[in-house]
PDB file of N, CA and C in Angstrom:
ATOM      1  N   MET A   1       0.814  -1.171   0.000  1.00  0.00           N
ATOM      2  CA  MET A   1       0.000   0.000   0.000  1.00  0.00           C
ATOM      3  C   MET A   1       0.874   1.258   0.000  1.00  0.00           C
ATOM      4  N   LEU A   2       1.820   1.298   0.905  1.00  0.00           N
ATOM      5  CA  LEU A   2       2.702   2.455   0.997  1.00  0.00           C
ATOM      6  C   LEU A   2       3.546   2.582  -0.266  1.00  0.00           C
ATOM      7  N   LEU A   3       4.064   1.451  -0.744  1.00  0.00           N
ATOM      8  CA  LEU A   3       4.871   1.488  -1.960  1.00  0.00           C
ATOM      9  C   LEU A   3       4.046   1.917  -3.165  1.00  0.00           C
ATOM     10  N   GLU A   4       2.798   1.475  -3.213  1.00  0.00           N
ATOM     11  CA  GLU A   4       1.933   1.862  -4.326  1.00  0.00           C
ATOM     12  C   GLU A   4       1.685   3.365  -4.330  1.00  0.00           C
ATOM     13  N   SER A   5       1.422   3.932  -3.182  1.00  0.00           N
ATOM     14  CA  SER A   5       1.177   5.376  -3.127  1.00  0.00           C
ATOM     15  C   SER A   5       2.450   6.151  -3.441  1.00  0.00           C
ATOM     16  N   MET A   6       3.596   5.639  -3.005  1.00  0.00           N
ATOM     17  CA  MET A   6       4.863   6.300  -3.338  1.00  0.00           C
ATOM     18  C   MET A   6       5.111   6.231  -4.840  1.00  0.00           C
ATOM     19  N   LYS A   7       4.796   5.093  -5.417  1.00  0.00           N
ATOM     20  CA  LYS A   7       5.007   4.893  -6.846  1.00  0.00           C
ATOM     21  C   LYS A   7       4.153   5.869  -7.658  1.00  0.00           C
ATOM     22  N   LYS A   8       2.913   6.063  -7.243  1.00  0.00           N
ATOM     23  CA  LYS A   8       2.029   6.985  -7.954  1.00  0.00           C
ATOM     24  C   LYS A   8       2.499   8.422  -7.796  1.00  0.00           C
ATOM     25  N   GLY A   9       2.887   8.793  -6.593  1.00  0.00           N
ATOM     26  CA  GLY A   9       3.261  10.171  -6.314  1.00  0.00           C
ATOM     27  C   GLY A   9       4.634  10.549  -6.834  1.00  0.00           C
ATOM     28  N   VAL A  10       5.564   9.654  -6.816  1.00  0.00           N
ATOM     29  CA  VAL A  10       6.948   9.990  -7.145  1.00  0.00           C
ATOM     30  C   VAL A  10       7.282   9.682  -8.591  1.00  0.00           C
ATOM     31  N   GLY A  11       6.794   8.618  -9.086  1.00  0.00           N
ATOM     32  CA  GLY A  11       7.071   8.271 -10.463  1.00  0.00           C
ATOM     33  C   GLY A  11       7.943   7.034 -10.572  1.00  0.00           C
ATOM     34  N   LYS A  12       7.787   6.386 -11.698  1.00  0.00           N
ATOM     35  CA  LYS A  12       8.460   5.111 -11.930  1.00  0.00           C
ATOM     36  C   LYS A  12       9.979   5.252 -11.923  1.00  0.00           C
ATOM     37  N   TYR A  13      10.514   6.250 -12.573  1.00  0.00           N
ATOM     38  CA  TYR A  13      11.965   6.372 -12.714  1.00  0.00           C
ATOM     39  C   TYR A  13      12.652   6.734 -11.401  1.00  0.00           C
ATOM     40  N   VAL A  14      12.010   7.552 -10.614  1.00  0.00           N
ATOM     41  CA  VAL A  14      12.578   7.909  -9.311  1.00  0.00           C
ATOM     42  C   VAL A  14      12.617   6.678  -8.410  1.00  0.00           C
ATOM     43  N   MET A  15      11.574   5.863  -8.446  1.00  0.00           N
ATOM     44  CA  MET A  15      11.550   4.632  -7.659  1.00  0.00           C
ATOM     45  C   MET A  15      12.656   3.686  -8.105  1.00  0.00           C
ATOM     46  N   ILE A  16      12.892   3.608  -9.405  1.00  0.00           N
ATOM     47  CA  ILE A  16      13.959   2.749  -9.921  1.00  0.00           C
ATOM     48  C   ILE A  16      15.313   3.239  -9.426  1.00  0.00           C
ATOM     49  N   VAL A  17      15.529   4.542  -9.446  1.00  0.00           N
ATOM     50  CA  VAL A  17      16.796   5.109  -8.973  1.00  0.00           C
ATOM     51  C   VAL A  17      16.977   4.825  -7.483  1.00  0.00           C
ATOM     52  N   LEU A  18      15.946   5.043  -6.682  1.00  0.00           N
ATOM     53  CA  LEU A  18      16.042   4.792  -5.247  1.00  0.00           C
ATOM     54  C   LEU A  18      16.305   3.314  -4.944  1.00  0.00           C
ATOM     55  N   ALA A  19      15.595   2.442  -5.630  1.00  0.00           N
ATOM     56  CA  ALA A  19      15.797   1.007  -5.427  1.00  0.00           C
ATOM     57  C   ALA A  19      17.207   0.600  -5.845  1.00  0.00           C
ATOM     58  N   SER A  20      17.696   1.162  -6.944  1.00  0.00           N
ATOM     59  CA  SER A  20      19.050   0.857  -7.410  1.00  0.00           C
ATOM     60  C   SER A  20      20.099   1.308  -6.404  1.00  0.00           C
ATOM     61  N   LEU A  21      19.920   2.494  -5.837  1.00  0.00           N
ATOM     62  CA  LEU A  21      20.860   2.979  -4.823  1.00  0.00           C
ATOM     63  C   LEU A  21      20.853   2.087  -3.585  1.00  0.00           C
ATOM     64  N   LEU A  22      19.679   1.652  -3.195  1.00  0.00           N
ATOM     65  CA  LEU A  22      19.567   0.771  -2.040  1.00  0.00           C
ATOM     66  C   LEU A  22      20.273  -0.560  -2.299  1.00  0.00           C
ATOM     67  N   ILE A  23      20.025  -1.148  -3.444  1.00  0.00           N
ATOM     68  CA  ILE A  23      20.659  -2.417  -3.802  1.00  0.00           C
ATOM     69  C   ILE A  23      22.167  -2.251  -3.905  1.00  0.00           C
ATOM     70  N   LEU A  24      22.613  -1.173  -4.519  1.00  0.00           N
ATOM     71  CA  LEU A  24      24.046  -0.918  -4.664  1.00  0.00           C
ATOM     72  C   LEU A  24      24.720  -0.764  -3.303  1.00  0.00           C
ATOM     73  N   SER A  25      24.083  -0.048  -2.389  1.00  0.00           N
ATOM     74  CA  SER A  25      24.691   0.133  -1.063  1.00  0.00           C
ATOM     75  C   SER A  25      24.819  -1.198  -0.328  1.00  0.00           C
ATOM     76  N   PHE A  26      23.810  -2.056  -0.413  1.00  0.00           N
ATOM     77  CA  PHE A  26      23.914  -3.373   0.219  1.00  0.00           C
ATOM     78  C   PHE A  26      24.995  -4.209  -0.456  1.00  0.00           C
ATOM     79  N   ALA A  27      25.114  -4.113  -1.764  1.00  0.00           N
ATOM     80  CA  ALA A  27      26.131  -4.876  -2.484  1.00  0.00           C
ATOM     81  C   ALA A  27      27.532  -4.440  -2.083  1.00  0.00           C
ATOM     82  N   VAL A  28      27.764  -3.142  -1.976  1.00  0.00           N
ATOM     83  CA  VAL A  28      29.097  -2.637  -1.625  1.00  0.00           C
ATOM     84  C   VAL A  28      29.482  -3.064  -0.217  1.00  0.00           C
ATOM     85  N   TRP A  29      28.605  -2.878   0.765  1.00  0.00           N
ATOM     86  CA  TRP A  29      28.947  -3.262   2.132  1.00  0.00           C
ATOM     87  C   TRP A  29      29.026  -4.776   2.278  1.00  0.00           C
ATOM     88  N   GLY A  30      28.195  -5.494   1.573  1.00  0.00           N
ATOM     89  CA  GLY A  30      28.247  -6.951   1.626  1.00  0.00           C
ATOM     90  C   GLY A  30      29.543  -7.488   1.061  1.00  0.00           C
ATOM     91  N   ILE A  31      29.991  -6.937  -0.054  1.00  0.00           N
ATOM     92  CA  ILE A  31      31.245  -7.365  -0.666  1.00  0.00           C
ATOM     93  C   ILE A  31      32.416  -7.006   0.235  1.00  0.00           C
ATOM     94  N   GLY A  32      32.381  -5.850   0.856  1.00  0.00           N
ATOM     95  CA  GLY A  32      33.453  -5.450   1.768  1.00  0.00           C
ATOM     96  C   GLY A  32      33.574  -6.400   2.941  1.00  0.00           C
ATOM     97  N   ASP A  33      32.447  -6.816   3.506  1.00  0.00           N
ATOM     98  CA  ASP A  33      32.480  -7.754   4.620  1.00  0.00           C
ATOM     99  C   ASP A  33      33.011  -9.110   4.186  1.00  0.00           C
ATOM    100  N   MET A  34      32.596  -9.578   3.033  1.00  0.00           N
ATOM    101  CA  MET A  34      33.062 -10.868   2.550  1.00  0.00           C
ATOM    102  C   MET A  34      34.544 -10.835   2.212  1.00  0.00           C
ATOM    103  N   ALA A  35      35.042  -9.731   1.704  1.00  0.00           N
ATOM    104  CA  ALA A  35      36.459  -9.622   1.379  1.00  0.00           C
ATOM    105  C   ALA A  35      37.292  -9.749   2.643  1.00  0.00           C
ATOM    106  N   GLY A  36      36.830  -9.198   3.747  1.00  0.00           N
ATOM    107  CA  GLY A  36      37.545  -9.323   5.009  1.00  0.00           C
ATOM    108  C   GLY A  36      37.579 -10.754   5.509  1.00  0.00           C
ATOM    109  N   VAL A  37      36.500 -11.482   5.322  1.00  0.00           N
ATOM    110  CA  VAL A  37      36.444 -12.873   5.757  1.00  0.00           C
ATOM    111  C   VAL A  37      37.331 -13.737   4.885  1.00  0.00           C
ATOM    112  N   ILE A  38      37.333 -13.477   3.592  1.00  0.00           N
ATOM    113  CA  ILE A  38      38.112 -14.280   2.667  1.00  0.00           C
ATOM    114  C   ILE A  38      39.606 -14.061   2.870  1.00  0.00           C
ATOM    115  N   SER A  39      40.025 -12.859   3.259  1.00  0.00           N
ATOM    116  CA  SER A  39      41.442 -12.562   3.383  1.00  0.00           C
ATOM    117  C   SER A  39      42.125 -13.438   4.429  1.00  0.00           C
ATOM    118  N   ASN A  40      41.494 -13.731   5.542  1.00  0.00           N
ATOM    119  CA  ASN A  40      42.068 -14.605   6.559  1.00  0.00           C
ATOM    120  C   ASN A  40      40.941 -15.356   7.258  1.00  0.00           C
ATOM    121  N   PRO A  41      40.640 -16.557   6.798  1.00  0.00           N
ATOM    122  CA  PRO A  41      39.513 -17.296   7.360  1.00  0.00           C
ATOM    123  C   PRO A  41      39.736 -17.753   8.800  1.00  0.00           C
ATOM    124  N   ASN A  42      40.990 -17.706   9.306  1.00  0.00           N
ATOM    125  CA  ASN A  42      41.261 -18.125  10.684  1.00  0.00           C
ATOM    126  C   ASN A  42      40.983 -17.030  11.701  1.00  0.00           C
ATOM    127  N   GLU A  43      40.781 -15.806  11.251  1.00  0.00           N
ATOM    128  CA  GLU A  43      40.469 -14.708  12.164  1.00  0.00           C
ATOM    129  C   GLU A  43      38.993 -14.744  12.511  1.00  0.00           C
ATOM    130  N   VAL A  44      38.699 -14.706  13.798  1.00  0.00           N
ATOM    131  CA  VAL A  44      37.299 -14.682  14.213  1.00  0.00           C
ATOM    132  C   VAL A  44      36.865 -13.305  14.677  1.00  0.00           C
ATOM    133  N   ALA A  45      37.843 -12.452  15.034  1.00  0.00           N
ATOM    134  CA  ALA A  45      37.492 -11.108  15.497  1.00  0.00           C
ATOM    135  C   ALA A  45      38.709 -10.203  15.421  1.00  0.00           C
ATOM    136  N   THR A  46      38.440  -8.905  15.382  1.00  0.00           N
ATOM    137  CA  THR A  46      39.477  -7.893  15.476  1.00  0.00           C
ATOM    138  C   THR A  46      39.026  -6.891  16.524  1.00  0.00           C
ATOM    139  N   VAL A  47      39.871  -6.675  17.519  1.00  0.00           N
ATOM    140  CA  VAL A  47      39.581  -5.716  18.584  1.00  0.00           C
ATOM    141  C   VAL A  47      40.646  -4.643  18.503  1.00  0.00           C
ATOM    142  N   GLY A  48      40.241  -3.461  18.046  1.00  0.00           N
ATOM    143  CA  GLY A  48      41.237  -2.421  17.778  1.00  0.00           C
ATOM    144  C   GLY A  48      42.132  -2.894  16.649  1.00  0.00           C
ATOM    145  N   SER A  49      43.421  -2.965  16.900  1.00  0.00           N
ATOM    146  CA  SER A  49      44.346  -3.475  15.884  1.00  0.00           C
ATOM    147  C   SER A  49      44.766  -4.908  16.185  1.00  0.00           C
ATOM    148  N   THR A  50      44.216  -5.509  17.242  1.00  0.00           N
ATOM    149  CA  THR A  50      44.563  -6.875  17.630  1.00  0.00           C
ATOM    150  C   THR A  50      43.642  -7.857  16.928  1.00  0.00           C
ATOM    151  N   LYS A  51      44.233  -8.781  16.191  1.00  0.00           N
ATOM    152  CA  LYS A  51      43.462  -9.804  15.491  1.00  0.00           C
ATOM    153  C   LYS A  51      43.447 -11.076  16.333  1.00  0.00           C
ATOM    154  N   ILE A  52      42.290 -11.682  16.463  1.00  0.00           N
ATOM    155  CA  ILE A  52      42.126 -12.885  17.273  1.00  0.00           C
ATOM    156  C   ILE A  52      41.857 -14.054  16.342  1.00  0.00           C
ATOM    157  N   THR A  53      42.730 -15.067  16.411  1.00  0.00           N
ATOM    158  CA  THR A  53      42.568 -16.234  15.557  1.00  0.00           C
ATOM    159  C   THR A  53      41.590 -17.212  16.189  1.00  0.00           C
ATOM    160  N   GLN A  54      41.162 -18.167  15.390  1.00  0.00           N
ATOM    161  CA  GLN A  54      40.233 -19.176  15.877  1.00  0.00           C
ATOM    162  C   GLN A  54      40.887 -19.986  16.998  1.00  0.00           C
ATOM    163  N   ARG A  55      42.159 -20.319  16.841  1.00  0.00           N
ATOM    164  CA  ARG A  55      42.865 -21.100  17.860  1.00  0.00           C
ATOM    165  C   ARG A  55      42.958 -20.327  19.183  1.00  0.00           C
ATOM    166  N   GLU A  56      43.316 -19.047  19.115  1.00  0.00           N
ATOM    167  CA  GLU A  56      43.398 -18.234  20.332  1.00  0.00           C
ATOM    168  C   GLU A  56      42.041 -18.155  21.030  1.00  0.00           C
ATOM    169  N   PHE A  57      40.989 -17.981  20.235  1.00  0.00           N
ATOM    170  CA  PHE A  57      39.647 -17.911  20.807  1.00  0.00           C
ATOM    171  C   PHE A  57      39.283 -19.215  21.504  1.00  0.00           C
ATOM    172  N   GLN A  58      39.544 -20.348  20.839  1.00  0.00           N
ATOM    173  CA  GLN A  58      39.206 -21.646  21.423  1.00  0.00           C
ATOM    174  C   GLN A  58      39.985 -21.900  22.712  1.00  0.00           C
ATOM    175  N   GLU A  59      41.274 -21.540  22.721  1.00  0.00           N
ATOM    176  CA  GLU A  59      42.080 -21.733  23.927  1.00  0.00           C
ATOM    177  C   GLU A  59      41.558 -20.880  25.085  1.00  0.00           C
ATOM    178  N   GLN A  60      41.259 -19.625  24.798  1.00  0.00           N
ATOM    179  CA  GLN A  60      40.742 -18.740  25.849  1.00  0.00           C
ATOM    180  C   GLN A  60      39.369 -19.199  26.322  1.00  0.00           C
ATOM    181  N   PHE A  61      38.538 -19.673  25.407  1.00  0.00           N
ATOM    182  CA  PHE A  61      37.216 -20.182  25.772  1.00  0.00           C
ATOM    183  C   PHE A  61      37.352 -21.394  26.684  1.00  0.00           C
ATOM    184  N   ARG A  62      38.267 -22.308  26.341  1.00  0.00           N
ATOM    185  CA  ARG A  62      38.489 -23.495  27.164  1.00  0.00           C
ATOM    186  C   ARG A  62      38.961 -23.106  28.566  1.00  0.00           C
ATOM    187  N   ARG A  63      39.904 -22.148  28.651  1.00  0.00           N
ATOM    188  CA  ARG A  63      40.389 -21.691  29.960  1.00  0.00           C
ATOM    189  C   ARG A  63      39.256 -21.073  30.785  1.00  0.00           C
ATOM    190  N   GLU A  64      38.427 -20.282  30.136  1.00  0.00           N
ATOM    191  CA  GLU A  64      37.306 -19.652  30.843  1.00  0.00           C
ATOM    192  C   GLU A  64      36.298 -20.700  31.315  1.00  0.00           C
ATOM    193  N   MET A  65      36.035 -21.703  30.481  1.00  0.00           N
ATOM    194  CA  MET A  65      35.123 -22.784  30.880  1.00  0.00           C
ATOM    195  C   MET A  65      35.691 -23.546  32.069  1.00  0.00           C
ATOM    196  N   ASP A  66      36.999 -23.809  32.064  1.00  0.00           N
ATOM    197  CA  ASP A  66      37.634 -24.494  33.196  1.00  0.00           C
ATOM    198  C   ASP A  66      37.488 -23.667  34.470  1.00  0.00           C
ATOM    199  N   ARG A  67      37.662 -22.354  34.357  1.00  0.00           N
ATOM    200  CA  ARG A  67      37.536 -21.463  35.512  1.00  0.00           C
ATOM    201  C   ARG A  67      36.099 -21.478  36.053  1.00  0.00           C
ATOM    202  N   ILE A  68      35.123 -21.442  35.156  1.00  0.00           N
ATOM    203  CA  ILE A  68      33.715 -21.469  35.577  1.00  0.00           C
ATOM    204  C   ILE A  68      33.381 -22.802  36.231  1.00  0.00           C
ATOM    205  N   ARG A  69      33.857 -23.897  35.644  1.00  0.00           N
ATOM    206  CA  ARG A  69      33.587 -25.227  36.211  1.00  0.00           C
ATOM    207  C   ARG A  69      34.176 -25.360  37.613  1.00  0.00           C
ATOM    208  N   ALA A  70      35.338 -24.747  37.832  1.00  0.00           N
ATOM    209  CA  ALA A  70      35.959 -24.807  39.160  1.00  0.00           C
ATOM    210  C   ALA A  70      35.094 -24.091  40.196  1.00  0.00           C
ATOM    211  N   ARG A  71      34.360 -23.085  39.783  1.00  0.00           N
ATOM    212  CA  ARG A  71      33.530 -22.309  40.720  1.00  0.00           C
ATOM    213  C   ARG A  71      32.152 -22.917  40.931  1.00  0.00           C
ATOM    214  N   VAL A  72      31.515 -23.395  39.841  1.00  0.00           N
ATOM    215  CA  VAL A  72      30.111 -23.816  39.959  1.00  0.00           C
ATOM    216  C   VAL A  72      29.888 -25.299  39.710  1.00  0.00           C
ATOM    217  N   GLY A  73      30.915 -26.036  39.405  1.00  0.00           N
ATOM    218  CA  GLY A  73      30.744 -27.458  39.144  1.00  0.00           C
ATOM    219  C   GLY A  73      30.626 -27.738  37.658  1.00  0.00           C
ATOM    220  N   ASN A  74      30.148 -28.927  37.352  1.00  0.00           N
ATOM    221  CA  ASN A  74      30.071 -29.366  35.961  1.00  0.00           C
ATOM    222  C   ASN A  74      29.039 -28.538  35.198  1.00  0.00           C
ATOM    223  N   ILE A  75      29.478 -27.899  34.138  1.00  0.00           N
ATOM    224  CA  ILE A  75      28.623 -27.026  33.329  1.00  0.00           C
ATOM    225  C   ILE A  75      29.092 -27.124  31.882  1.00  0.00           C
ATOM    226  N   ASP A  76      28.150 -27.103  30.954  1.00  0.00           N
ATOM    227  CA  ASP A  76      28.564 -27.152  29.548  1.00  0.00           C
ATOM    228  C   ASP A  76      28.530 -25.750  28.936  1.00  0.00           C
ATOM    229  N   ALA A  77      28.977 -25.658  27.693  1.00  0.00           N
ATOM    230  CA  ALA A  77      29.110 -24.352  27.030  1.00  0.00           C
ATOM    231  C   ALA A  77      27.768 -23.634  26.908  1.00  0.00           C
ATOM    232  N   GLU A  78      26.700 -24.354  26.656  1.00  0.00           N
ATOM    233  CA  GLU A  78      25.389 -23.712  26.517  1.00  0.00           C
ATOM    234  C   GLU A  78      24.916 -23.106  27.833  1.00  0.00           C
ATOM    235  N   GLN A  79      25.198 -23.763  28.923  1.00  0.00           N
ATOM    236  CA  GLN A  79      24.782 -23.255  30.226  1.00  0.00           C
ATOM    237  C   GLN A  79      25.622 -22.062  30.656  1.00  0.00           C
ATOM    238  N   ALA A  80      26.876 -22.031  30.220  1.00  0.00           N
ATOM    239  CA  ALA A  80      27.775 -20.937  30.604  1.00  0.00           C
ATOM    240  C   ALA A  80      27.293 -19.665  29.967  1.00  0.00           C
TER     241      ALA A  80
END
């Protein structure tokens, strides 16, 4: 309903331009995000200029789980 009224009031070509800009913006940001993932698939996060690899994350997660288990007893990752 809203799109139909916009289409009537604004015109076909303006709607095409707006839709194209919207699609283009999603394409540019989507490609940028994928390029970062493809460049180093072992990186799971970047905090400031520090890059965290999958191995570092898993080791730290395991240490944290061990610390939690020592305090509260047997607990799995979902409960933590």
